[in-house]
N, C-alpha and C. Protein backbone atom coordinates (compact mmCIF):
# COMPACT_ATOMS: atom_id res chain seq x y z
N MET A 1 4.10 -35.32 34.80
CA MET A 1 3.03 -35.40 33.96
C MET A 1 1.86 -35.12 35.07
N LYS A 2 0.74 -34.19 34.49
CA LYS A 2 -0.30 -33.92 35.31
C LYS A 2 -0.70 -35.26 35.29
N ARG A 3 -1.27 -34.83 36.85
CA ARG A 3 -2.16 -35.77 37.89
C ARG A 3 -4.05 -35.90 37.73
N TYR A 4 -5.07 -36.59 37.91
CA TYR A 4 -5.99 -36.29 38.02
C TYR A 4 -6.38 -36.84 38.86
N TYR A 5 -7.62 -36.96 39.58
CA TYR A 5 -8.23 -38.00 40.42
C TYR A 5 -9.49 -38.04 40.24
N ILE A 6 -10.41 -39.47 40.66
CA ILE A 6 -11.83 -39.23 40.63
C ILE A 6 -12.32 -40.04 41.49
N GLY A 7 -13.71 -39.31 41.95
CA GLY A 7 -14.25 -39.96 43.07
C GLY A 7 -15.63 -40.62 42.76
N LEU A 8 -15.95 -41.63 43.12
CA LEU A 8 -17.41 -42.00 42.30
C LEU A 8 -17.78 -42.34 43.54
N ASP A 9 -19.69 -42.20 43.36
CA ASP A 9 -20.42 -42.75 44.31
C ASP A 9 -21.35 -43.46 43.43
N GLY A 10 -21.75 -44.43 44.26
CA GLY A 10 -22.16 -45.39 43.63
C GLY A 10 -23.80 -45.80 44.50
N GLY A 11 -24.82 -45.06 43.63
CA GLY A 11 -25.88 -45.17 44.63
C GLY A 11 -26.63 -46.73 43.89
N SER A 12 -27.59 -46.66 44.46
CA SER A 12 -28.51 -47.73 44.32
C SER A 12 -29.32 -47.61 42.93
N THR A 13 -29.27 -46.64 42.31
CA THR A 13 -29.98 -45.64 41.01
C THR A 13 -28.93 -45.27 40.22
N TYR A 14 -28.34 -44.74 40.39
CA TYR A 14 -26.81 -43.80 39.61
C TYR A 14 -26.13 -44.11 40.36
N LEU A 15 -25.03 -43.67 39.57
CA LEU A 15 -23.74 -43.66 39.74
C LEU A 15 -23.00 -42.56 39.29
N LYS A 16 -22.57 -41.57 40.46
CA LYS A 16 -21.79 -40.42 39.98
C LYS A 16 -20.12 -40.21 39.94
N ALA A 17 -19.91 -39.16 39.04
CA ALA A 17 -18.06 -39.65 39.41
C ALA A 17 -18.01 -38.04 39.33
N ALA A 18 -16.91 -37.77 39.83
CA ALA A 18 -16.16 -36.48 39.46
C ALA A 18 -14.54 -36.01 39.30
N MET A 19 -14.19 -35.46 38.96
CA MET A 19 -12.85 -35.60 38.42
C MET A 19 -12.04 -34.22 38.93
N ILE A 20 -11.33 -34.56 39.60
CA ILE A 20 -10.29 -33.16 39.91
C ILE A 20 -8.60 -33.25 39.31
N ASP A 21 -7.79 -32.11 39.88
CA ASP A 21 -6.66 -31.93 39.31
C ASP A 21 -6.26 -31.83 40.67
N GLY A 22 -4.72 -31.78 40.45
CA GLY A 22 -3.80 -31.59 41.64
C GLY A 22 -4.14 -30.80 42.53
N GLN A 23 -4.94 -29.58 42.10
CA GLN A 23 -4.94 -28.38 43.08
C GLN A 23 -6.12 -27.99 43.22
N GLY A 24 -6.88 -29.73 43.01
CA GLY A 24 -8.45 -29.44 43.80
C GLY A 24 -9.51 -29.12 43.28
N ASN A 25 -9.25 -28.75 41.48
CA ASN A 25 -10.54 -27.73 40.66
C ASN A 25 -10.92 -28.60 40.15
N VAL A 26 -12.08 -28.90 40.34
CA VAL A 26 -13.36 -29.75 39.77
C VAL A 26 -13.00 -29.50 37.77
N ILE A 27 -12.49 -30.98 37.46
CA ILE A 27 -12.31 -30.98 35.80
C ILE A 27 -13.47 -31.29 34.85
N ASP A 28 -14.15 -32.13 35.67
CA ASP A 28 -15.74 -32.59 35.03
C ASP A 28 -16.52 -33.89 36.01
N THR A 29 -17.51 -33.95 35.27
CA THR A 29 -18.55 -34.34 36.39
C THR A 29 -19.29 -35.29 35.50
N MET A 30 -20.00 -36.83 35.92
CA MET A 30 -20.63 -37.43 34.80
C MET A 30 -21.62 -38.26 35.73
N VAL A 31 -22.73 -38.56 35.20
CA VAL A 31 -23.73 -39.55 36.30
C VAL A 31 -24.32 -40.31 35.35
N ARG A 32 -24.74 -41.90 35.86
CA ARG A 32 -25.05 -42.55 34.69
C ARG A 32 -25.78 -43.74 35.47
N ASN A 33 -26.93 -44.21 34.87
CA ASN A 33 -27.74 -45.27 35.67
C ASN A 33 -26.93 -46.26 35.89
N THR A 34 -27.24 -46.74 37.06
CA THR A 34 -26.24 -48.04 37.63
C THR A 34 -26.25 -49.35 37.26
N GLY A 35 -27.52 -49.42 36.81
CA GLY A 35 -27.49 -50.64 36.04
C GLY A 35 -27.60 -52.31 36.61
N ILE A 36 -27.60 -53.02 36.21
CA ILE A 36 -27.44 -54.46 36.94
C ILE A 36 -25.64 -55.04 37.13
N ASP A 37 -24.94 -54.02 36.76
CA ASP A 37 -23.14 -54.38 36.75
C ASP A 37 -22.74 -52.83 37.67
N ASN A 38 -22.89 -52.80 38.64
CA ASN A 38 -21.69 -51.46 39.15
C ASN A 38 -20.88 -51.19 39.11
N SER A 39 -20.22 -52.45 39.18
CA SER A 39 -18.64 -52.24 38.61
C SER A 39 -18.41 -52.09 36.87
N GLY A 40 -18.81 -52.51 36.54
CA GLY A 40 -18.56 -52.74 34.73
C GLY A 40 -18.91 -51.18 34.68
N THR A 41 -20.49 -50.47 35.14
CA THR A 41 -20.60 -49.29 34.71
C THR A 41 -19.85 -48.35 35.36
N ALA A 42 -19.08 -48.46 36.25
CA ALA A 42 -18.13 -48.19 36.96
C ALA A 42 -16.96 -47.64 36.42
N SER A 43 -16.41 -48.46 35.74
CA SER A 43 -15.28 -48.90 34.53
C SER A 43 -15.51 -47.85 33.70
N THR A 44 -16.85 -48.05 33.00
CA THR A 44 -17.57 -47.47 31.82
C THR A 44 -17.19 -45.52 32.09
N LEU A 45 -18.00 -45.27 33.19
CA LEU A 45 -17.73 -44.22 33.52
C LEU A 45 -16.59 -43.41 33.32
N VAL A 46 -15.88 -44.29 34.33
CA VAL A 46 -13.91 -43.74 34.50
C VAL A 46 -13.64 -43.56 32.83
N ASP A 47 -13.84 -44.45 32.65
CA ASP A 47 -13.09 -44.30 30.85
C ASP A 47 -13.80 -43.13 30.36
N ALA A 48 -15.20 -42.74 30.05
CA ALA A 48 -15.93 -42.14 29.43
C ALA A 48 -15.50 -40.72 30.13
N LEU A 49 -15.51 -40.28 31.45
CA LEU A 49 -15.06 -39.26 31.67
C LEU A 49 -13.17 -38.91 31.08
N CYS A 50 -12.48 -40.02 31.11
CA CYS A 50 -11.37 -39.49 30.79
C CYS A 50 -10.92 -39.15 29.69
N GLN A 51 -11.66 -39.72 28.50
CA GLN A 51 -11.91 -39.69 27.39
C GLN A 51 -12.11 -38.33 27.05
N ARG A 52 -13.67 -37.77 27.60
CA ARG A 52 -13.95 -36.61 27.24
C ARG A 52 -13.12 -35.48 27.42
N ASN A 53 -12.09 -35.67 28.37
CA ASN A 53 -11.37 -34.86 28.96
C ASN A 53 -9.93 -35.19 28.23
N ARG A 54 -9.42 -35.73 27.29
CA ARG A 54 -8.64 -36.86 27.33
C ARG A 54 -7.68 -36.51 27.75
N ILE A 55 -7.69 -37.32 28.71
CA ILE A 55 -6.83 -38.07 29.87
C ILE A 55 -6.55 -39.56 29.99
N THR A 56 -5.37 -39.95 29.75
CA THR A 56 -4.74 -41.04 29.65
C THR A 56 -5.10 -41.88 31.21
N GLY A 57 -5.61 -43.12 31.20
CA GLY A 57 -5.73 -43.85 32.46
C GLY A 57 -4.23 -44.00 33.12
N GLN A 58 -3.07 -43.31 32.82
CA GLN A 58 -2.06 -43.68 33.49
C GLN A 58 -1.73 -41.86 34.21
N GLN A 59 -2.82 -41.26 33.74
CA GLN A 59 -2.78 -39.61 34.50
C GLN A 59 -3.89 -39.51 35.62
N VAL A 60 -4.46 -40.94 35.96
CA VAL A 60 -5.08 -40.84 36.57
C VAL A 60 -4.97 -41.42 38.06
N GLY A 61 -4.58 -41.09 39.13
CA GLY A 61 -3.70 -41.10 40.30
C GLY A 61 -4.64 -41.38 41.65
N TYR A 62 -5.59 -41.85 41.25
CA TYR A 62 -6.04 -42.59 42.26
C TYR A 62 -8.02 -42.28 42.08
N ILE A 63 -8.52 -43.06 42.93
CA ILE A 63 -9.90 -43.52 42.46
C ILE A 63 -10.51 -43.90 43.51
N MET A 64 -11.40 -43.21 44.08
CA MET A 64 -11.83 -43.41 45.84
C MET A 64 -13.19 -43.96 45.50
N ALA A 65 -14.15 -44.36 46.38
CA ALA A 65 -15.44 -44.89 45.96
C ALA A 65 -15.84 -44.70 46.85
N THR A 66 -17.14 -44.15 47.38
CA THR A 66 -18.48 -44.08 48.40
C THR A 66 -19.59 -44.60 48.18
N GLY A 67 -20.83 -44.63 49.01
CA GLY A 67 -21.76 -44.83 48.46
C GLY A 67 -22.26 -46.48 48.70
N TYR A 68 -23.96 -46.67 48.25
CA TYR A 68 -24.46 -47.68 48.44
C TYR A 68 -23.38 -48.99 47.88
N SER A 69 -22.65 -48.85 46.96
CA SER A 69 -22.02 -50.02 45.99
C SER A 69 -20.68 -49.89 46.27
N ARG A 70 -20.58 -49.20 47.11
CA ARG A 70 -18.82 -48.61 47.03
C ARG A 70 -17.83 -49.90 47.13
N LYS A 71 -18.11 -50.93 47.68
CA LYS A 71 -17.25 -51.71 48.00
C LYS A 71 -16.96 -52.66 46.80
N VAL A 72 -17.94 -52.56 46.14
CA VAL A 72 -18.15 -53.57 44.47
C VAL A 72 -17.16 -52.59 43.44
N LEU A 73 -17.16 -51.52 43.50
CA LEU A 73 -16.60 -50.92 42.55
C LEU A 73 -15.01 -51.14 42.27
N ASP A 74 -14.88 -52.49 41.23
CA ASP A 74 -13.61 -52.64 41.15
C ASP A 74 -12.41 -51.87 40.80
N VAL A 75 -12.86 -50.47 39.73
CA VAL A 75 -12.12 -49.64 39.65
C VAL A 75 -11.95 -49.15 40.37
N ALA A 76 -11.89 -48.63 41.61
CA ALA A 76 -11.58 -48.07 42.77
C ALA A 76 -10.14 -48.43 43.06
N ASP A 77 -9.20 -47.30 43.73
CA ASP A 77 -8.38 -47.45 44.49
C ASP A 77 -8.64 -48.36 45.82
N ASP A 78 -9.59 -47.17 46.31
CA ASP A 78 -9.84 -47.35 47.79
C ASP A 78 -11.64 -47.01 48.19
N ASP A 79 -12.07 -47.22 49.16
CA ASP A 79 -13.42 -46.84 49.32
C ASP A 79 -13.61 -46.33 51.22
N ILE A 80 -14.23 -45.25 50.92
CA ILE A 80 -15.07 -44.59 52.48
C ILE A 80 -16.65 -44.65 52.49
N SER A 81 -16.78 -44.28 53.50
CA SER A 81 -18.46 -44.46 53.75
C SER A 81 -18.78 -43.34 53.57
N GLU A 82 -19.90 -43.03 53.82
CA GLU A 82 -20.39 -41.84 52.79
C GLU A 82 -20.19 -40.70 53.99
N ILE A 83 -20.70 -40.83 55.21
CA ILE A 83 -20.45 -39.98 56.46
C ILE A 83 -18.71 -39.21 56.42
N THR A 84 -18.12 -39.98 56.18
CA THR A 84 -16.40 -40.14 55.95
C THR A 84 -16.13 -39.22 54.79
N ALA A 85 -16.60 -39.31 53.88
CA ALA A 85 -16.78 -38.45 52.58
C ALA A 85 -17.24 -36.68 52.99
N HIS A 86 -18.53 -37.09 53.55
CA HIS A 86 -19.29 -35.87 53.67
C HIS A 86 -18.39 -34.98 54.75
N ALA A 87 -17.61 -35.60 56.02
CA ALA A 87 -16.40 -34.78 56.64
C ALA A 87 -15.52 -34.40 55.97
N TYR A 88 -14.92 -34.95 54.80
CA TYR A 88 -13.61 -34.82 54.15
C TYR A 88 -14.33 -33.35 53.58
N GLY A 89 -15.26 -33.74 52.52
CA GLY A 89 -15.85 -32.62 51.94
C GLY A 89 -16.07 -30.77 52.38
N VAL A 90 -16.85 -30.96 53.74
CA VAL A 90 -16.69 -29.83 54.64
C VAL A 90 -15.30 -29.56 55.11
N ARG A 91 -14.58 -30.51 55.69
CA ARG A 91 -13.16 -29.66 56.18
C ARG A 91 -12.27 -29.21 54.70
N ILE A 92 -12.84 -29.55 53.56
CA ILE A 92 -11.67 -28.76 52.11
C ILE A 92 -12.56 -27.66 51.41
N THR A 93 -14.09 -27.54 51.83
CA THR A 93 -14.86 -26.23 51.32
C THR A 93 -15.38 -25.19 52.51
N ALA A 94 -14.87 -25.75 53.59
CA ALA A 94 -15.72 -24.80 54.69
C ALA A 94 -15.07 -23.76 55.05
N PRO A 95 -15.56 -22.07 55.34
CA PRO A 95 -14.30 -21.09 55.16
C PRO A 95 -13.63 -21.56 56.24
N ALA A 96 -12.60 -21.05 56.67
CA ALA A 96 -11.76 -21.32 57.53
C ALA A 96 -12.10 -20.97 59.43
N GLN A 97 -12.93 -19.78 58.97
CA GLN A 97 -13.74 -19.41 60.42
C GLN A 97 -14.78 -20.62 61.01
N TRP A 98 -15.50 -21.23 59.84
CA TRP A 98 -16.61 -21.85 60.39
C TRP A 98 -15.98 -23.55 60.85
N ARG A 99 -16.75 -23.68 61.60
CA ARG A 99 -16.21 -25.27 61.67
C ARG A 99 -17.93 -25.89 62.39
N PRO A 100 -18.26 -26.71 60.91
CA PRO A 100 -19.23 -27.74 61.79
C PRO A 100 -19.46 -28.09 62.31
N GLY A 101 -20.67 -28.55 63.29
CA GLY A 101 -20.01 -29.28 64.52
C GLY A 101 -21.56 -30.50 63.61
N MET A 102 -22.17 -30.61 62.86
CA MET A 102 -23.21 -31.20 62.27
C MET A 102 -23.45 -31.49 60.90
N ILE A 103 -23.36 -32.53 60.44
CA ILE A 103 -23.56 -32.85 58.94
C ILE A 103 -24.82 -33.39 58.60
N VAL A 104 -25.82 -32.94 57.90
CA VAL A 104 -26.62 -33.96 57.81
C VAL A 104 -26.95 -34.23 55.95
N ASP A 105 -27.53 -35.93 56.09
CA ASP A 105 -27.67 -36.25 54.01
C ASP A 105 -28.83 -37.10 54.10
N VAL A 106 -29.10 -36.08 53.85
CA VAL A 106 -30.63 -36.10 52.99
C VAL A 106 -31.31 -37.14 51.82
């Protein structure tokens, strides 16, 4: 069975999601207003992402959350700080010859 992974960024106004496959290819992204039920919005967003891409919940291997509301997103398997998420992103996407020494979050 092919596996997919979802990252959630729970902001104070918007909840963002990205789905990748096992090779790290971005499959899809979605954005929703956070509303008053952050966890419920996250679950709805994950369901919509899976449905739009014809993926079952069993095919989602892991869900990681970051952002302002990361601790309350019950659908996530784990959470990390925004700074840690930035560091992972740079490590994965920066060309090998570059060694960024600073990350600025605006």
